[in-house]
Amino acid sequence: MKRLLVTLCMLVFVTLLSTGADAQECSLDVFDLDVQGQTISGKIKNTGTVSMNVTFQFLVNNNMVGNGTLSLSPGQQQTVSNVFSFPTGY
């Protein structure tokens, strides 16, 4: 059986400059990355003190297979998922 590298990446679009937010106030955590059948899922949590917009990408062997954008308030977490048809034998 071959193996594939599955990754959940985040890009934070900081739209906080107009509010005077400090970079230390922006903090995210990515955890619980899991693959069940053809579903890839993970959790993203805003561990900072300000609301932020987050763009995320699911990568399989460094190829983007899904993406999305979400808004998270301080302390809020959200599960994100994507369906991917893994090739036979993986």
C-alpha atoms as a PDB file:
ATOM      1  CA  MET A   1       0.000   0.000   0.000  1.00  0.00           C
ATOM      2  CA  LYS A   2       1.340   3.441  -0.946  1.00  0.00           C
ATOM      3  CA  ARG A   3       1.080   6.437   1.329  1.00  0.00           C
ATOM      4  CA  LEU A   4      -0.104   9.954   0.633  1.00  0.00           C
ATOM      5  CA  LEU A   5       0.781  13.049   2.632  1.00  0.00           C
ATOM      6  CA  VAL A   6      -2.440  14.810   3.713  1.00  0.00           C
ATOM      7  CA  THR A   7      -2.078  18.360   5.024  1.00  0.00           C
ATOM      8  CA  LEU A   8      -4.438  21.095   6.212  1.00  0.00           C
ATOM      9  CA  CYS A   9      -2.921  24.532   5.606  1.00  0.00           C
ATOM     10  CA  MET A  10      -4.199  27.917   6.694  1.00  0.00           C
ATOM     11  CA  LEU A  11      -3.693  31.386   5.390  1.00  0.00           C
ATOM     12  CA  VAL A  12      -4.845  34.199   7.639  1.00  0.00           C
ATOM     13  CA  PHE A  13      -5.982  37.284   5.829  1.00  0.00           C
ATOM     14  CA  VAL A  14      -5.377  39.911   8.443  1.00  0.00           C
ATOM     15  CA  THR A  15      -7.973  42.589   7.937  1.00  0.00           C
ATOM     16  CA  LEU A  16      -7.202  43.917  11.372  1.00  0.00           C
ATOM     17  CA  LEU A  17      -4.812  46.745  10.501  1.00  0.00           C
ATOM     18  CA  SER A  18      -7.584  49.331  10.442  1.00  0.00           C
ATOM     19  CA  THR A  19      -8.592  48.332  13.970  1.00  0.00           C
ATOM     20  CA  GLY A  20      -5.051  48.667  15.317  1.00  0.00           C
ATOM     21  CA  ALA A  21      -4.893  44.982  16.261  1.00  0.00           C
ATOM     22  CA  ASP A  22      -1.494  43.718  17.325  1.00  0.00           C
ATOM     23  CA  ALA A  23       0.006  40.679  15.590  1.00  0.00           C
ATOM     24  CA  GLN A  24       0.220  38.991  19.014  1.00  0.00           C
ATOM     25  CA  GLU A  25      -3.575  39.082  19.191  1.00  0.00           C
ATOM     26  CA  CYS A  26      -3.812  36.796  16.109  1.00  0.00           C
ATOM     27  CA  SER A  27      -3.296  33.116  16.850  1.00  0.00           C
ATOM     28  CA  LEU A  28      -4.690  29.916  15.303  1.00  0.00           C
ATOM     29  CA  ASP A  29      -4.472  26.218  16.116  1.00  0.00           C
ATOM     30  CA  VAL A  30      -4.994  23.379  13.623  1.00  0.00           C
ATOM     31  CA  PHE A  31      -5.656  19.944  15.108  1.00  0.00           C
ATOM     32  CA  ASP A  32      -7.451  16.589  14.771  1.00  0.00           C
ATOM     33  CA  LEU A  33      -6.531  16.101  11.115  1.00  0.00           C
ATOM     34  CA  ASP A  34      -8.196  12.828  10.107  1.00  0.00           C
ATOM     35  CA  VAL A  35      -8.989  10.747   7.024  1.00  0.00           C
ATOM     36  CA  GLN A  36     -12.003   8.418   7.125  1.00  0.00           C
ATOM     37  CA  GLY A  37     -12.724   6.739   3.802  1.00  0.00           C
ATOM     38  CA  GLN A  38     -12.782   9.584   1.305  1.00  0.00           C
ATOM     39  CA  THR A  39     -13.409  12.363   3.830  1.00  0.00           C
ATOM     40  CA  ILE A  40     -10.545  14.539   5.073  1.00  0.00           C
ATOM     41  CA  SER A  41     -11.354  16.659   8.128  1.00  0.00           C
ATOM     42  CA  GLY A  42      -9.634  18.850  10.676  1.00  0.00           C
ATOM     43  CA  LYS A  43     -10.371  21.534  13.242  1.00  0.00           C
ATOM     44  CA  ILE A  44      -9.285  25.164  13.236  1.00  0.00           C
ATOM     45  CA  LYS A  45      -9.480  27.248  16.422  1.00  0.00           C
ATOM     46  CA  ASN A  46      -8.968  30.969  16.925  1.00  0.00           C
ATOM     47  CA  THR A  47      -6.795  31.113  20.043  1.00  0.00           C
ATOM     48  CA  GLY A  48      -6.251  34.864  19.674  1.00  0.00           C
ATOM     49  CA  THR A  49      -8.178  37.802  21.076  1.00  0.00           C
ATOM     50  CA  VAL A  50      -9.635  39.235  17.862  1.00  0.00           C
ATOM     51  CA  SER A  51     -11.964  37.919  15.147  1.00  0.00           C
ATOM     52  CA  MET A  52     -10.303  36.895  11.901  1.00  0.00           C
ATOM     53  CA  ASN A  53     -10.990  35.473   8.469  1.00  0.00           C
ATOM     54  CA  VAL A  54      -9.122  32.260   7.692  1.00  0.00           C
ATOM     55  CA  THR A  55      -8.593  30.674   4.289  1.00  0.00           C
ATOM     56  CA  PHE A  56      -7.680  26.995   4.485  1.00  0.00           C
ATOM     57  CA  GLN A  57      -6.491  24.410   1.980  1.00  0.00           C
ATOM     58  CA  PHE A  58      -6.444  20.626   2.010  1.00  0.00           C
ATOM     59  CA  LEU A  59      -3.326  19.269   0.316  1.00  0.00           C
ATOM     60  CA  VAL A  60      -2.672  15.682  -0.755  1.00  0.00           C
ATOM     61  CA  ASN A  61       0.960  15.157  -1.780  1.00  0.00           C
ATOM     62  CA  ASN A  62       1.280  18.959  -2.063  1.00  0.00           C
ATOM     63  CA  ASN A  63      -1.656  19.193  -4.505  1.00  0.00           C
ATOM     64  CA  MET A  64      -4.627  21.274  -3.390  1.00  0.00           C
ATOM     65  CA  VAL A  65      -7.761  19.101  -3.320  1.00  0.00           C
ATOM     66  CA  GLY A  66     -10.069  21.474  -1.456  1.00  0.00           C
ATOM     67  CA  ASN A  67     -10.237  24.897   0.163  1.00  0.00           C
ATOM     68  CA  GLY A  68     -12.530  27.330   1.903  1.00  0.00           C
ATOM     69  CA  THR A  69     -12.804  30.476   3.984  1.00  0.00           C
ATOM     70  CA  LEU A  70     -14.349  30.971   7.388  1.00  0.00           C
ATOM     71  CA  SER A  71     -14.643  33.679  10.022  1.00  0.00           C
ATOM     72  CA  LEU A  72     -13.725  32.816  13.594  1.00  0.00           C
ATOM     73  CA  SER A  73     -14.393  34.842  16.731  1.00  0.00           C
ATOM     74  CA  PRO A  74     -11.933  34.639  19.646  1.00  0.00           C
ATOM     75  CA  GLY A  75     -12.087  31.148  21.198  1.00  0.00           C
ATOM     76  CA  GLN A  76     -14.278  29.772  18.405  1.00  0.00           C
ATOM     77  CA  GLN A  77     -13.372  26.536  16.641  1.00  0.00           C
ATOM     78  CA  GLN A  78     -14.816  24.959  13.532  1.00  0.00           C
ATOM     79  CA  THR A  79     -14.479  21.581  11.837  1.00  0.00           C
ATOM     80  CA  VAL A  80     -13.659  21.740   8.134  1.00  0.00           C
ATOM     81  CA  SER A  81     -13.853  18.817   5.724  1.00  0.00           C
ATOM     82  CA  ASN A  82     -13.457  17.827   2.107  1.00  0.00           C
ATOM     83  CA  VAL A  83     -14.217  14.708   0.090  1.00  0.00           C
ATOM     84  CA  PHE A  84     -11.347  13.367  -2.024  1.00  0.00           C
ATOM     85  CA  SER A  85     -11.331  10.267  -4.213  1.00  0.00           C
ATOM     86  CA  PHE A  86      -8.084   8.600  -3.213  1.00  0.00           C
ATOM     87  CA  PRO A  87      -6.557   6.505  -6.010  1.00  0.00           C
ATOM     88  CA  THR A  88      -6.880   2.730  -5.701  1.00  0.00           C
ATOM     89  CA  GLY A  89      -4.088   1.216  -3.600  1.00  0.00           C
ATOM     90  CA  TYR A  90      -3.614   4.198  -1.293  1.00  0.00           C
END
